[in-house]
Amino acid sequence: MPISLKIKELLKDKKITYKEISVLTNIHEKTVANYLNDKTPMPVNALIAISQILEVPVNIFFDNAERSEERRV
């Protein structure tokens, strides 16, 4: 699953808007939308900032993290 979709799911679950992400990360709301709609590549520093707001480790956005979680179950 693409990183952007994982982030969107987490935003929905936690009821956080693009505007709130924008304010908390100091990234323009349109830029956040472009990242999450796969129109602009998301830089690592933005991914880290968003993961901190979502209170999740950055590695959950990568396929290897999913595979290791599946192996643990």
C-alpha atoms as a PDB file:
ATOM      1  CA  MET A   1       0.000   0.000   0.000  1.00  0.00           C
ATOM      2  CA  PRO A   2       1.392   3.448  -0.868  1.00  0.00           C
ATOM      3  CA  ILE A   3       2.574   5.645   1.991  1.00  0.00           C
ATOM      4  CA  SER A   4      -0.004   8.302   1.108  1.00  0.00           C
ATOM      5  CA  LEU A   5      -2.886   5.833   1.540  1.00  0.00           C
ATOM      6  CA  LYS A   6      -1.559   4.641   4.882  1.00  0.00           C
ATOM      7  CA  ILE A   7      -1.334   8.232   6.074  1.00  0.00           C
ATOM      8  CA  LYS A   8      -4.854   8.994   4.832  1.00  0.00           C
ATOM      9  CA  GLU A   9      -6.208   5.983   6.738  1.00  0.00           C
ATOM     10  CA  LEU A  10      -4.482   7.103   9.923  1.00  0.00           C
ATOM     11  CA  LEU A  11      -5.725  10.668   9.485  1.00  0.00           C
ATOM     12  CA  LYS A  12      -9.266   9.380   9.079  1.00  0.00           C
ATOM     13  CA  ASP A  13      -8.966   7.064  12.101  1.00  0.00           C
ATOM     14  CA  LYS A  14      -7.601   9.861  14.275  1.00  0.00           C
ATOM     15  CA  LYS A  15      -9.954  12.491  12.808  1.00  0.00           C
ATOM     16  CA  ILE A  16      -7.077  14.780  11.802  1.00  0.00           C
ATOM     17  CA  THR A  17      -7.512  17.107   8.821  1.00  0.00           C
ATOM     18  CA  TYR A  18      -5.013  18.214   6.192  1.00  0.00           C
ATOM     19  CA  LYS A  19      -5.309  21.706   7.680  1.00  0.00           C
ATOM     20  CA  GLU A  20      -4.331  20.436  11.130  1.00  0.00           C
ATOM     21  CA  ILE A  21      -1.357  18.575   9.641  1.00  0.00           C
ATOM     22  CA  SER A  22      -0.431  21.765   7.796  1.00  0.00           C
ATOM     23  CA  VAL A  23      -0.492  23.881  10.948  1.00  0.00           C
ATOM     24  CA  LEU A  24       1.381  21.337  13.059  1.00  0.00           C
ATOM     25  CA  THR A  25       4.101  20.683  10.470  1.00  0.00           C
ATOM     26  CA  ASN A  26       4.359  24.223   9.101  1.00  0.00           C
ATOM     27  CA  ILE A  27       3.833  22.795   5.599  1.00  0.00           C
ATOM     28  CA  HIS A  28       1.336  24.608   3.376  1.00  0.00           C
ATOM     29  CA  GLU A  29      -2.023  22.818   3.230  1.00  0.00           C
ATOM     30  CA  LYS A  30      -1.890  22.528  -0.575  1.00  0.00           C
ATOM     31  CA  THR A  31       1.552  20.915  -0.312  1.00  0.00           C
ATOM     32  CA  VAL A  32       0.228  18.408   2.220  1.00  0.00           C
ATOM     33  CA  ALA A  33      -2.635  17.632  -0.151  1.00  0.00           C
ATOM     34  CA  ASN A  34      -0.179  17.188  -3.030  1.00  0.00           C
ATOM     35  CA  TYR A  35       1.879  14.747  -0.940  1.00  0.00           C
ATOM     36  CA  LEU A  36      -1.175  12.739   0.059  1.00  0.00           C
ATOM     37  CA  ASN A  37      -2.601  12.697  -3.464  1.00  0.00           C
ATOM     38  CA  ASP A  38       0.743  11.523  -4.880  1.00  0.00           C
ATOM     39  CA  LYS A  39       1.187  14.668  -6.969  1.00  0.00           C
ATOM     40  CA  THR A  40       4.450  15.608  -5.242  1.00  0.00           C
ATOM     41  CA  PRO A  41       6.996  13.243  -3.688  1.00  0.00           C
ATOM     42  CA  MET A  42       6.980  13.518   0.092  1.00  0.00           C
ATOM     43  CA  PRO A  43      10.370  14.400   1.577  1.00  0.00           C
ATOM     44  CA  VAL A  44      11.607  12.341   4.494  1.00  0.00           C
ATOM     45  CA  ASN A  45      11.408  15.257   6.931  1.00  0.00           C
ATOM     46  CA  ALA A  46       7.695  15.705   6.116  1.00  0.00           C
ATOM     47  CA  LEU A  47       7.053  11.979   6.584  1.00  0.00           C
ATOM     48  CA  ILE A  48       8.819  12.056   9.946  1.00  0.00           C
ATOM     49  CA  ALA A  49       6.840  15.118  11.075  1.00  0.00           C
ATOM     50  CA  ILE A  50       3.534  13.551  10.025  1.00  0.00           C
ATOM     51  CA  SER A  51       4.375  10.243  11.712  1.00  0.00           C
ATOM     52  CA  GLN A  52       5.100  12.120  14.950  1.00  0.00           C
ATOM     53  CA  ILE A  53       1.743  13.899  14.767  1.00  0.00           C
ATOM     54  CA  LEU A  54       0.022  10.580  14.098  1.00  0.00           C
ATOM     55  CA  GLU A  55       2.008   9.038  16.971  1.00  0.00           C
ATOM     56  CA  VAL A  56       3.219   6.117  14.867  1.00  0.00           C
ATOM     57  CA  PRO A  57       6.752   4.967  14.021  1.00  0.00           C
ATOM     58  CA  VAL A  58       7.930   5.967  10.553  1.00  0.00           C
ATOM     59  CA  ASN A  59       8.727   2.368   9.636  1.00  0.00           C
ATOM     60  CA  ILE A  60       5.037   1.401   9.508  1.00  0.00           C
ATOM     61  CA  PHE A  61       4.826   3.224   6.178  1.00  0.00           C
ATOM     62  CA  PHE A  62       7.198   0.803   4.503  1.00  0.00           C
ATOM     63  CA  ASP A  63       6.351  -2.661   3.180  1.00  0.00           C
ATOM     64  CA  ASN A  64       9.081  -4.359   5.213  1.00  0.00           C
ATOM     65  CA  ALA A  65       7.382  -3.213   8.411  1.00  0.00           C
ATOM     66  CA  GLU A  66       4.119  -4.781   7.270  1.00  0.00           C
ATOM     67  CA  ARG A  67       5.844  -8.053   6.460  1.00  0.00           C
ATOM     68  CA  SER A  68       7.554  -8.204   9.843  1.00  0.00           C
ATOM     69  CA  GLU A  69       4.252  -7.490  11.574  1.00  0.00           C
ATOM     70  CA  GLU A  70       2.635 -10.329   9.613  1.00  0.00           C
ATOM     71  CA  ARG A  71       5.418 -12.706  10.662  1.00  0.00           C
ATOM     72  CA  ARG A  72       4.898 -11.858  14.335  1.00  0.00           C
ATOM     73  CA  VAL A  73       1.214 -12.807  14.254  1.00  0.00           C
END
